[in-house]
Amino acid sequence: MDIYLTDAPLRVQMIKDAAANGERTKLQKAAHALRSPSVSIGAARLGMMCRKFRNFCR
């Protein structure tokens, strides 16, 4: 859990930065990296949002 709480804000910032700069590949990778651990800890809604970001970038 400690790793998630440290890593998640960094991943969210990566998603924001990539979206702001139109960097679809970076957005896809950051969303993919955040999705699985989010679902694993019970943050299903965040995981679903990450999946939508990832799929949008394909």
N, C-alpha and C. Protein backbone atom coordinates (compact mmCIF):
# COMPACT_ATOMS: atom_id res chain seq x y z
N MET A 1 0.83 -1.19 0.00
CA MET A 1 0.00 0.00 0.00
C MET A 1 0.88 1.26 0.00
N ASP A 2 1.98 1.22 0.77
CA ASP A 2 2.86 2.39 0.81
C ASP A 2 3.43 2.72 -0.56
N ILE A 3 3.78 1.67 -1.30
CA ILE A 3 4.32 1.89 -2.65
C ILE A 3 3.26 2.54 -3.53
N TYR A 4 2.03 2.05 -3.44
CA TYR A 4 0.95 2.62 -4.24
C TYR A 4 0.74 4.10 -3.89
N LEU A 5 0.72 4.42 -2.61
CA LEU A 5 0.49 5.80 -2.19
C LEU A 5 1.62 6.73 -2.61
N THR A 6 2.80 6.18 -2.79
CA THR A 6 3.93 6.98 -3.28
C THR A 6 3.89 7.10 -4.79
N ASP A 7 3.58 5.99 -5.46
CA ASP A 7 3.64 5.92 -6.91
C ASP A 7 2.43 6.55 -7.61
N ALA A 8 1.25 6.38 -7.06
CA ALA A 8 0.03 6.84 -7.73
C ALA A 8 0.03 8.33 -8.06
N PRO A 9 0.40 9.21 -7.12
CA PRO A 9 0.41 10.64 -7.47
C PRO A 9 1.39 10.97 -8.61
N LEU A 10 2.50 10.25 -8.66
CA LEU A 10 3.46 10.46 -9.75
C LEU A 10 2.86 10.03 -11.08
N ARG A 11 2.17 8.90 -11.07
CA ARG A 11 1.52 8.42 -12.31
C ARG A 11 0.41 9.37 -12.75
N VAL A 12 -0.36 9.87 -11.80
CA VAL A 12 -1.43 10.82 -12.14
C VAL A 12 -0.83 12.08 -12.77
N GLN A 13 0.28 12.56 -12.22
CA GLN A 13 0.93 13.73 -12.79
C GLN A 13 1.46 13.44 -14.19
N MET A 14 1.99 12.24 -14.39
CA MET A 14 2.46 11.85 -15.72
C MET A 14 1.31 11.84 -16.72
N ILE A 15 0.14 11.37 -16.28
CA ILE A 15 -1.04 11.36 -17.15
C ILE A 15 -1.45 12.78 -17.49
N LYS A 16 -1.47 13.65 -16.49
CA LYS A 16 -1.84 15.05 -16.73
C LYS A 16 -0.87 15.73 -17.70
N ASP A 17 0.42 15.54 -17.46
CA ASP A 17 1.43 16.16 -18.31
C ASP A 17 1.35 15.64 -19.75
N ALA A 18 1.20 14.33 -19.90
CA ALA A 18 1.11 13.74 -21.23
C ALA A 18 -0.13 14.24 -21.96
N ALA A 19 -1.25 14.33 -21.26
CA ALA A 19 -2.48 14.83 -21.88
C ALA A 19 -2.33 16.29 -22.30
N ALA A 20 -1.73 17.09 -21.44
CA ALA A 20 -1.55 18.51 -21.75
C ALA A 20 -0.63 18.73 -22.94
N ASN A 21 0.32 17.81 -23.12
CA ASN A 21 1.29 17.95 -24.21
C ASN A 21 0.95 17.12 -25.44
N GLY A 22 -0.18 16.44 -25.41
CA GLY A 22 -0.61 15.64 -26.55
C GLY A 22 0.26 14.42 -26.80
N GLU A 23 0.87 13.89 -25.75
CA GLU A 23 1.77 12.75 -25.88
C GLU A 23 1.01 11.46 -25.59
N ARG A 24 0.39 10.93 -26.62
CA ARG A 24 -0.51 9.78 -26.46
C ARG A 24 0.21 8.54 -25.96
N THR A 25 1.42 8.29 -26.44
CA THR A 25 2.15 7.09 -26.02
C THR A 25 2.47 7.16 -24.53
N LYS A 26 2.93 8.31 -24.07
CA LYS A 26 3.23 8.47 -22.64
C LYS A 26 1.96 8.37 -21.80
N LEU A 27 0.88 8.93 -22.29
CA LEU A 27 -0.40 8.84 -21.59
C LEU A 27 -0.85 7.39 -21.48
N GLN A 28 -0.74 6.66 -22.56
CA GLN A 28 -1.14 5.26 -22.57
C GLN A 28 -0.31 4.45 -21.57
N LYS A 29 1.00 4.65 -21.56
CA LYS A 29 1.87 3.90 -20.65
C LYS A 29 1.60 4.24 -19.19
N ALA A 30 1.41 5.52 -18.89
CA ALA A 30 1.16 5.93 -17.51
C ALA A 30 -0.19 5.41 -17.03
N ALA A 31 -1.19 5.48 -17.88
CA ALA A 31 -2.52 4.98 -17.51
C ALA A 31 -2.49 3.47 -17.30
N HIS A 32 -1.78 2.77 -18.14
CA HIS A 32 -1.66 1.32 -18.01
C HIS A 32 -0.96 0.96 -16.69
N ALA A 33 0.09 1.69 -16.36
CA ALA A 33 0.86 1.42 -15.13
C ALA A 33 0.05 1.71 -13.87
N LEU A 34 -0.89 2.63 -13.94
CA LEU A 34 -1.71 2.98 -12.78
C LEU A 34 -2.95 2.10 -12.64
N ARG A 35 -3.44 1.57 -13.74
CA ARG A 35 -4.70 0.83 -13.74
C ARG A 35 -4.68 -0.41 -12.85
N SER A 36 -3.76 -1.31 -13.08
CA SER A 36 -3.75 -2.58 -12.35
C SER A 36 -3.62 -2.41 -10.84
N PRO A 37 -2.64 -1.64 -10.37
CA PRO A 37 -2.54 -1.49 -8.92
C PRO A 37 -3.76 -0.79 -8.31
N SER A 38 -4.37 0.11 -9.06
CA SER A 38 -5.56 0.79 -8.55
C SER A 38 -6.71 -0.19 -8.34
N VAL A 39 -6.91 -1.05 -9.32
CA VAL A 39 -7.96 -2.07 -9.21
C VAL A 39 -7.65 -3.02 -8.06
N SER A 40 -6.39 -3.37 -7.92
CA SER A 40 -5.97 -4.32 -6.88
C SER A 40 -6.27 -3.82 -5.46
N ILE A 41 -6.20 -2.51 -5.26
CA ILE A 41 -6.45 -1.98 -3.92
C ILE A 41 -7.91 -1.57 -3.72
N GLY A 42 -8.72 -1.76 -4.74
CA GLY A 42 -10.14 -1.46 -4.61
C GLY A 42 -10.58 -0.14 -5.21
N ALA A 43 -9.68 0.53 -5.91
CA ALA A 43 -10.02 1.80 -6.56
C ALA A 43 -10.49 1.51 -7.99
N ALA A 44 -11.60 0.79 -8.07
CA ALA A 44 -12.10 0.32 -9.36
C ALA A 44 -12.44 1.47 -10.31
N ARG A 45 -12.98 2.52 -9.77
CA ARG A 45 -13.37 3.66 -10.62
C ARG A 45 -12.14 4.30 -11.26
N LEU A 46 -11.07 4.46 -10.48
CA LEU A 46 -9.83 4.99 -11.04
C LEU A 46 -9.27 4.03 -12.08
N GLY A 47 -9.33 2.74 -11.80
CA GLY A 47 -8.87 1.75 -12.76
C GLY A 47 -9.64 1.82 -14.06
N MET A 48 -10.96 2.03 -13.98
CA MET A 48 -11.78 2.14 -15.17
C MET A 48 -11.41 3.41 -15.97
N MET A 49 -11.14 4.49 -15.27
CA MET A 49 -10.73 5.72 -15.96
C MET A 49 -9.39 5.51 -16.68
N CYS A 50 -8.48 4.83 -16.01
CA CYS A 50 -7.18 4.55 -16.62
C CYS A 50 -7.34 3.69 -17.86
N ARG A 51 -8.22 2.70 -17.78
CA ARG A 51 -8.47 1.85 -18.95
C ARG A 51 -9.02 2.66 -20.10
N LYS A 52 -9.92 3.60 -19.81
CA LYS A 52 -10.47 4.45 -20.87
C LYS A 52 -9.39 5.33 -21.51
N PHE A 53 -8.53 5.91 -20.67
CA PHE A 53 -7.40 6.69 -21.20
C PHE A 53 -6.53 5.82 -22.11
N ARG A 54 -6.19 4.64 -21.61
CA ARG A 54 -5.31 3.74 -22.36
C ARG A 54 -5.94 3.38 -23.70
N ASN A 55 -7.21 3.01 -23.68
CA ASN A 55 -7.89 2.61 -24.91
C ASN A 55 -8.05 3.79 -25.88
N PHE A 56 -8.25 4.98 -25.36
CA PHE A 56 -8.37 6.16 -26.20
C PHE A 56 -7.07 6.41 -26.98
N CYS A 57 -5.96 6.09 -26.36
CA CYS A 57 -4.65 6.37 -26.96
C CYS A 57 -4.21 5.33 -27.98
N ARG A 58 -4.92 4.24 -28.08
CA ARG A 58 -4.53 3.19 -29.03
C ARG A 58 -4.86 3.57 -30.45
